[in-house]
Amino acid sequence: MHSLSLPTWVIHISSVIEWAVAIWLIWTYNKQHGDRGWGGLAWAMFPALISAMCACTWHFFDNADSLEWLVTVQAFLTLFGNCTLAIAAYRIWKISLQKSKST
């Protein structure tokens, strides 16, 4: 655990907690409003959350060479997560356009 300073650990861990809370809040909003797009956004956020967990795990074990594959997994999940977030945002936009046309 010596690879990061205490303030950097606080930022890493609080970011993971923030992301998990954001997923839960968006999921709760989706259940209250029934818009399919918001549920998709919550699911689209999971790859980024897992990516952050990969980073924390690698740093927790002092950036061990045996866990270097986590860096590759994190990079892939970041790319994949950014794509899923873009798709989810596009779906929310399309749904909002459809709703505005119907009213």
N, C-alpha and C. Protein backbone atom coordinates (compact mmCIF):
# COMPACT_ATOMS: atom_id res chain seq x y z
N MET A 1 0.81 -1.20 0.00
CA MET A 1 0.00 0.00 0.00
C MET A 1 0.85 1.27 0.00
N HIS A 2 2.11 1.14 -0.18
CA HIS A 2 3.01 2.28 -0.10
C HIS A 2 3.15 3.04 -1.42
N SER A 3 2.51 2.54 -2.46
CA SER A 3 2.69 3.17 -3.77
C SER A 3 1.96 4.51 -3.90
N LEU A 4 0.98 4.75 -3.06
CA LEU A 4 0.23 6.01 -3.13
C LEU A 4 0.24 6.69 -1.76
N SER A 5 0.18 8.02 -1.78
CA SER A 5 0.09 8.77 -0.53
C SER A 5 -1.32 8.66 0.03
N LEU A 6 -1.48 9.00 1.29
CA LEU A 6 -2.80 8.94 1.93
C LEU A 6 -3.82 9.83 1.22
N PRO A 7 -3.49 11.08 0.87
CA PRO A 7 -4.47 11.89 0.14
C PRO A 7 -4.89 11.28 -1.20
N THR A 8 -3.94 10.64 -1.89
CA THR A 8 -4.27 10.00 -3.16
C THR A 8 -5.18 8.80 -2.93
N TRP A 9 -4.95 8.05 -1.85
CA TRP A 9 -5.85 6.94 -1.52
C TRP A 9 -7.25 7.45 -1.23
N VAL A 10 -7.34 8.55 -0.51
CA VAL A 10 -8.66 9.12 -0.19
C VAL A 10 -9.39 9.48 -1.47
N ILE A 11 -8.69 10.08 -2.41
CA ILE A 11 -9.32 10.43 -3.69
C ILE A 11 -9.76 9.19 -4.45
N HIS A 12 -8.89 8.17 -4.52
CA HIS A 12 -9.24 6.93 -5.23
C HIS A 12 -10.47 6.27 -4.62
N ILE A 13 -10.45 6.09 -3.32
CA ILE A 13 -11.55 5.38 -2.65
C ILE A 13 -12.84 6.20 -2.70
N SER A 14 -12.74 7.51 -2.47
CA SER A 14 -13.95 8.32 -2.51
C SER A 14 -14.54 8.36 -3.92
N SER A 15 -13.70 8.29 -4.94
CA SER A 15 -14.20 8.26 -6.32
C SER A 15 -14.99 6.99 -6.59
N VAL A 16 -14.49 5.87 -6.10
CA VAL A 16 -15.21 4.60 -6.26
C VAL A 16 -16.55 4.66 -5.53
N ILE A 17 -16.54 5.19 -4.32
CA ILE A 17 -17.78 5.31 -3.54
C ILE A 17 -18.75 6.25 -4.24
N GLU A 18 -18.25 7.40 -4.72
CA GLU A 18 -19.10 8.35 -5.45
C GLU A 18 -19.76 7.70 -6.66
N TRP A 19 -18.98 6.93 -7.41
CA TRP A 19 -19.49 6.31 -8.62
C TRP A 19 -20.58 5.30 -8.26
N ALA A 20 -20.36 4.52 -7.21
CA ALA A 20 -21.36 3.53 -6.78
C ALA A 20 -22.64 4.24 -6.33
N VAL A 21 -22.50 5.33 -5.59
CA VAL A 21 -23.67 6.09 -5.14
C VAL A 21 -24.40 6.70 -6.34
N ALA A 22 -23.65 7.22 -7.31
CA ALA A 22 -24.28 7.79 -8.51
C ALA A 22 -25.08 6.73 -9.26
N ILE A 23 -24.53 5.53 -9.39
CA ILE A 23 -25.26 4.44 -10.04
C ILE A 23 -26.57 4.17 -9.30
N TRP A 24 -26.49 4.08 -7.99
CA TRP A 24 -27.68 3.81 -7.18
C TRP A 24 -28.71 4.93 -7.33
N LEU A 25 -28.26 6.19 -7.30
CA LEU A 25 -29.19 7.31 -7.43
C LEU A 25 -29.86 7.33 -8.80
N ILE A 26 -29.09 7.07 -9.84
CA ILE A 26 -29.67 7.04 -11.19
C ILE A 26 -30.65 5.89 -11.31
N TRP A 27 -30.31 4.74 -10.75
CA TRP A 27 -31.21 3.58 -10.78
C TRP A 27 -32.51 3.91 -10.03
N THR A 28 -32.41 4.58 -8.89
CA THR A 28 -33.58 4.97 -8.12
C THR A 28 -34.44 5.96 -8.91
N TYR A 29 -33.81 6.93 -9.55
CA TYR A 29 -34.53 7.87 -10.40
C TYR A 29 -35.27 7.13 -11.51
N ASN A 30 -34.59 6.17 -12.12
CA ASN A 30 -35.21 5.38 -13.19
C ASN A 30 -36.45 4.65 -12.69
N LYS A 31 -36.37 4.07 -11.50
CA LYS A 31 -37.52 3.34 -10.97
C LYS A 31 -38.69 4.27 -10.68
N GLN A 32 -38.42 5.50 -10.29
CA GLN A 32 -39.48 6.44 -9.98
C GLN A 32 -40.13 7.02 -11.24
N HIS A 33 -39.34 7.20 -12.29
CA HIS A 33 -39.84 7.86 -13.49
C HIS A 33 -40.11 6.90 -14.65
N GLY A 34 -39.58 5.70 -14.57
CA GLY A 34 -39.88 4.71 -15.59
C GLY A 34 -39.28 4.96 -16.96
N ASP A 35 -38.33 5.85 -17.06
CA ASP A 35 -37.67 6.09 -18.34
C ASP A 35 -36.60 5.03 -18.56
N ARG A 36 -36.74 4.26 -19.61
CA ARG A 36 -35.78 3.18 -19.86
C ARG A 36 -34.37 3.70 -20.05
N GLY A 37 -34.21 4.87 -20.54
CA GLY A 37 -32.89 5.42 -20.79
C GLY A 37 -32.04 5.58 -19.53
N TRP A 38 -32.68 5.96 -18.43
CA TRP A 38 -31.93 6.17 -17.20
C TRP A 38 -31.43 4.86 -16.61
N GLY A 39 -32.21 3.81 -16.74
CA GLY A 39 -31.74 2.50 -16.29
C GLY A 39 -30.54 2.04 -17.11
N GLY A 40 -30.59 2.34 -18.40
CA GLY A 40 -29.45 2.02 -19.27
C GLY A 40 -28.21 2.79 -18.88
N LEU A 41 -28.39 4.03 -18.44
CA LEU A 41 -27.25 4.81 -17.99
C LEU A 41 -26.62 4.19 -16.75
N ALA A 42 -27.46 3.74 -15.83
CA ALA A 42 -26.92 3.09 -14.62
C ALA A 42 -26.10 1.86 -14.99
N TRP A 43 -26.63 1.04 -15.89
CA TRP A 43 -25.86 -0.14 -16.33
C TRP A 43 -24.59 0.26 -17.08
N ALA A 44 -24.67 1.33 -17.85
CA ALA A 44 -23.51 1.78 -18.63
C ALA A 44 -22.38 2.28 -17.73
N MET A 45 -22.70 2.63 -16.51
CA MET A 45 -21.68 3.14 -15.59
C MET A 45 -20.84 2.03 -14.96
N PHE A 46 -21.30 0.79 -15.00
CA PHE A 46 -20.59 -0.30 -14.34
C PHE A 46 -19.18 -0.56 -14.87
N PRO A 47 -18.94 -0.54 -16.19
CA PRO A 47 -17.56 -0.77 -16.64
C PRO A 47 -16.57 0.24 -16.05
N ALA A 48 -16.97 1.50 -15.94
CA ALA A 48 -16.09 2.51 -15.36
C ALA A 48 -15.86 2.24 -13.87
N LEU A 49 -16.88 1.78 -13.18
CA LEU A 49 -16.73 1.44 -11.76
C LEU A 49 -15.75 0.28 -11.59
N ILE A 50 -15.88 -0.75 -12.40
CA ILE A 50 -14.98 -1.90 -12.32
C ILE A 50 -13.56 -1.46 -12.70
N SER A 51 -13.44 -0.56 -13.67
CA SER A 51 -12.13 -0.03 -14.05
C SER A 51 -11.46 0.66 -12.86
N ALA A 52 -12.20 1.46 -12.14
CA ALA A 52 -11.65 2.14 -10.96
C ALA A 52 -11.24 1.14 -9.89
N MET A 53 -12.03 0.08 -9.74
CA MET A 53 -11.69 -0.95 -8.76
C MET A 53 -10.40 -1.69 -9.15
N CYS A 54 -10.21 -1.88 -10.44
CA CYS A 54 -8.96 -2.50 -10.92
C CYS A 54 -7.76 -1.63 -10.53
N ALA A 55 -7.90 -0.32 -10.72
CA ALA A 55 -6.81 0.59 -10.38
C ALA A 55 -6.51 0.54 -8.88
N CYS A 56 -7.55 0.58 -8.08
CA CYS A 56 -7.36 0.54 -6.63
C CYS A 56 -6.71 -0.78 -6.19
N THR A 57 -7.15 -1.87 -6.79
CA THR A 57 -6.58 -3.18 -6.44
C THR A 57 -5.11 -3.23 -6.79
N TRP A 58 -4.74 -2.78 -7.97
CA TRP A 58 -3.33 -2.81 -8.38
C TRP A 58 -2.48 -1.95 -7.44
N HIS A 59 -2.98 -0.76 -7.09
CA HIS A 59 -2.23 0.10 -6.18
C HIS A 59 -2.18 -0.48 -4.78
N PHE A 60 -3.25 -1.14 -4.34
CA PHE A 60 -3.29 -1.74 -3.01
C PHE A 60 -2.17 -2.75 -2.84
N PHE A 61 -1.87 -3.49 -3.90
CA PHE A 61 -0.80 -4.48 -3.86
C PHE A 61 0.52 -3.92 -4.38
N ASP A 62 0.73 -2.62 -4.15
CA ASP A 62 1.98 -1.93 -4.48
C ASP A 62 2.41 -2.11 -5.92
N ASN A 63 1.45 -2.03 -6.82
CA ASN A 63 1.74 -2.12 -8.26
C ASN A 63 2.55 -3.37 -8.61
N ALA A 64 2.15 -4.49 -8.04
CA ALA A 64 2.88 -5.75 -8.22
C ALA A 64 2.93 -6.14 -9.69
N ASP A 65 4.11 -6.60 -10.11
CA ASP A 65 4.29 -7.04 -11.49
C ASP A 65 3.33 -8.17 -11.86
N SER A 66 3.03 -9.03 -10.89
CA SER A 66 2.14 -10.16 -11.17
C SER A 66 0.70 -9.72 -11.45
N LEU A 67 0.37 -8.50 -11.06
CA LEU A 67 -0.98 -7.97 -11.29
C LEU A 67 -1.00 -6.90 -12.38
N GLU A 68 0.05 -6.81 -13.15
CA GLU A 68 0.12 -5.79 -14.19
C GLU A 68 -0.99 -5.94 -15.23
N TRP A 69 -1.54 -7.14 -15.36
CA TRP A 69 -2.65 -7.36 -16.29
C TRP A 69 -3.85 -6.51 -15.92
N LEU A 70 -3.94 -6.12 -14.63
CA LEU A 70 -5.05 -5.26 -14.22
C LEU A 70 -5.00 -3.90 -14.92
N VAL A 71 -3.81 -3.44 -15.25
CA VAL A 71 -3.68 -2.17 -15.97
C VAL A 71 -4.33 -2.28 -17.34
N THR A 72 -4.11 -3.41 -18.01
CA THR A 72 -4.71 -3.64 -19.32
C THR A 72 -6.23 -3.75 -19.21
N VAL A 73 -6.68 -4.49 -18.19
CA VAL A 73 -8.13 -4.62 -17.97
C VAL A 73 -8.74 -3.26 -17.67
N GLN A 74 -8.04 -2.46 -16.85
CA GLN A 74 -8.55 -1.13 -16.53
C GLN A 74 -8.65 -0.27 -17.78
N ALA A 75 -7.64 -0.31 -18.62
CA ALA A 75 -7.65 0.49 -19.84
C ALA A 75 -8.80 0.06 -20.75
N PHE A 76 -8.99 -1.25 -20.92
CA PHE A 76 -10.09 -1.74 -21.76
C PHE A 76 -11.43 -1.31 -21.19
N LEU A 77 -11.61 -1.48 -19.87
CA LEU A 77 -12.89 -1.12 -19.25
C LEU A 77 -13.16 0.38 -19.31
N THR A 78 -12.10 1.19 -19.24
CA THR A 78 -12.28 2.63 -19.38
C THR A 78 -12.79 2.96 -20.79
N LEU A 79 -12.16 2.38 -21.79
CA LEU A 79 -12.60 2.60 -23.18
C LEU A 79 -14.02 2.09 -23.38
N PHE A 80 -14.28 0.86 -22.95
CA PHE A 80 -15.60 0.26 -23.10
C PHE A 80 -16.64 1.06 -22.32
N GLY A 81 -16.29 1.49 -21.10
CA GLY A 81 -17.21 2.27 -20.28
C GLY A 81 -17.54 3.61 -20.89
N ASN A 82 -16.54 4.26 -21.48
CA ASN A 82 -16.81 5.54 -22.15
C ASN A 82 -17.75 5.34 -23.33
N CYS A 83 -17.59 4.24 -24.05
CA CYS A 83 -18.49 3.95 -25.18
C CYS A 83 -19.91 3.66 -24.70
N THR A 84 -20.04 2.85 -23.63
CA THR A 84 -21.38 2.55 -23.13
C THR A 84 -22.05 3.79 -22.56
N LEU A 85 -21.28 4.67 -21.93
CA LEU A 85 -21.86 5.92 -21.43
C LEU A 85 -22.33 6.82 -22.57
N ALA A 86 -21.56 6.87 -23.64
CA ALA A 86 -21.97 7.68 -24.79
C ALA A 86 -23.25 7.14 -25.41
N ILE A 87 -23.34 5.82 -25.52
CA ILE A 87 -24.55 5.19 -26.08
C ILE A 87 -25.75 5.45 -25.18
N ALA A 88 -25.55 5.32 -23.87
CA ALA A 88 -26.65 5.55 -22.92
C ALA A 88 -27.12 7.01 -22.97
N ALA A 89 -26.18 7.94 -23.06
CA ALA A 89 -26.55 9.35 -23.15
C ALA A 89 -27.32 9.62 -24.45
N TYR A 90 -26.89 9.01 -25.53
CA TYR A 90 -27.59 9.16 -26.81
C TYR A 90 -29.02 8.62 -26.70
N ARG A 91 -29.18 7.46 -26.05
CA ARG A 91 -30.52 6.88 -25.89
C ARG A 91 -31.42 7.79 -25.06
N ILE A 92 -30.87 8.38 -24.00
CA ILE A 92 -31.66 9.30 -23.17
C ILE A 92 -32.10 10.49 -24.02
N TRP A 93 -31.20 11.02 -24.82
CA TRP A 93 -31.52 12.14 -25.70
C TRP A 93 -32.61 11.76 -26.69
N LYS A 94 -32.49 10.57 -27.32
CA LYS A 94 -33.51 10.13 -28.29
C LYS A 94 -34.86 9.95 -27.61
N ILE A 95 -34.89 9.38 -26.44
CA ILE A 95 -36.15 9.18 -25.72
C ILE A 95 -36.77 10.53 -25.37
N SER A 96 -35.94 11.49 -24.96
CA SER A 96 -36.48 12.81 -24.62
C SER A 96 -37.04 13.52 -25.87
N LEU A 97 -36.40 13.32 -27.00
CA LEU A 97 -36.92 13.88 -28.24
C LEU A 97 -38.27 13.28 -28.60
N GLN A 98 -38.40 11.97 -28.46
CA GLN A 98 -39.66 11.29 -28.76
C GLN A 98 -40.77 11.78 -27.84
N LYS A 99 -40.44 11.96 -26.55
CA LYS A 99 -41.44 12.44 -25.61
C LYS A 99 -41.85 13.87 -25.92
N SER A 100 -40.92 14.70 -26.31
CA SER A 100 -41.26 16.09 -26.61
C SER A 100 -42.10 16.20 -27.89
N LYS A 101 -41.91 15.28 -28.83
CA LYS A 101 -42.71 15.29 -30.06
C LYS A 101 -44.14 14.81 -29.79
N SER A 102 -44.30 13.92 -28.82
CA SER A 102 -45.62 13.36 -28.54
C SER A 102 -46.48 14.30 -27.69
N THR A 103 -45.88 15.32 -27.09
CA THR A 103 -46.68 16.25 -26.28
C THR A 103 -47.03 17.51 -26.99
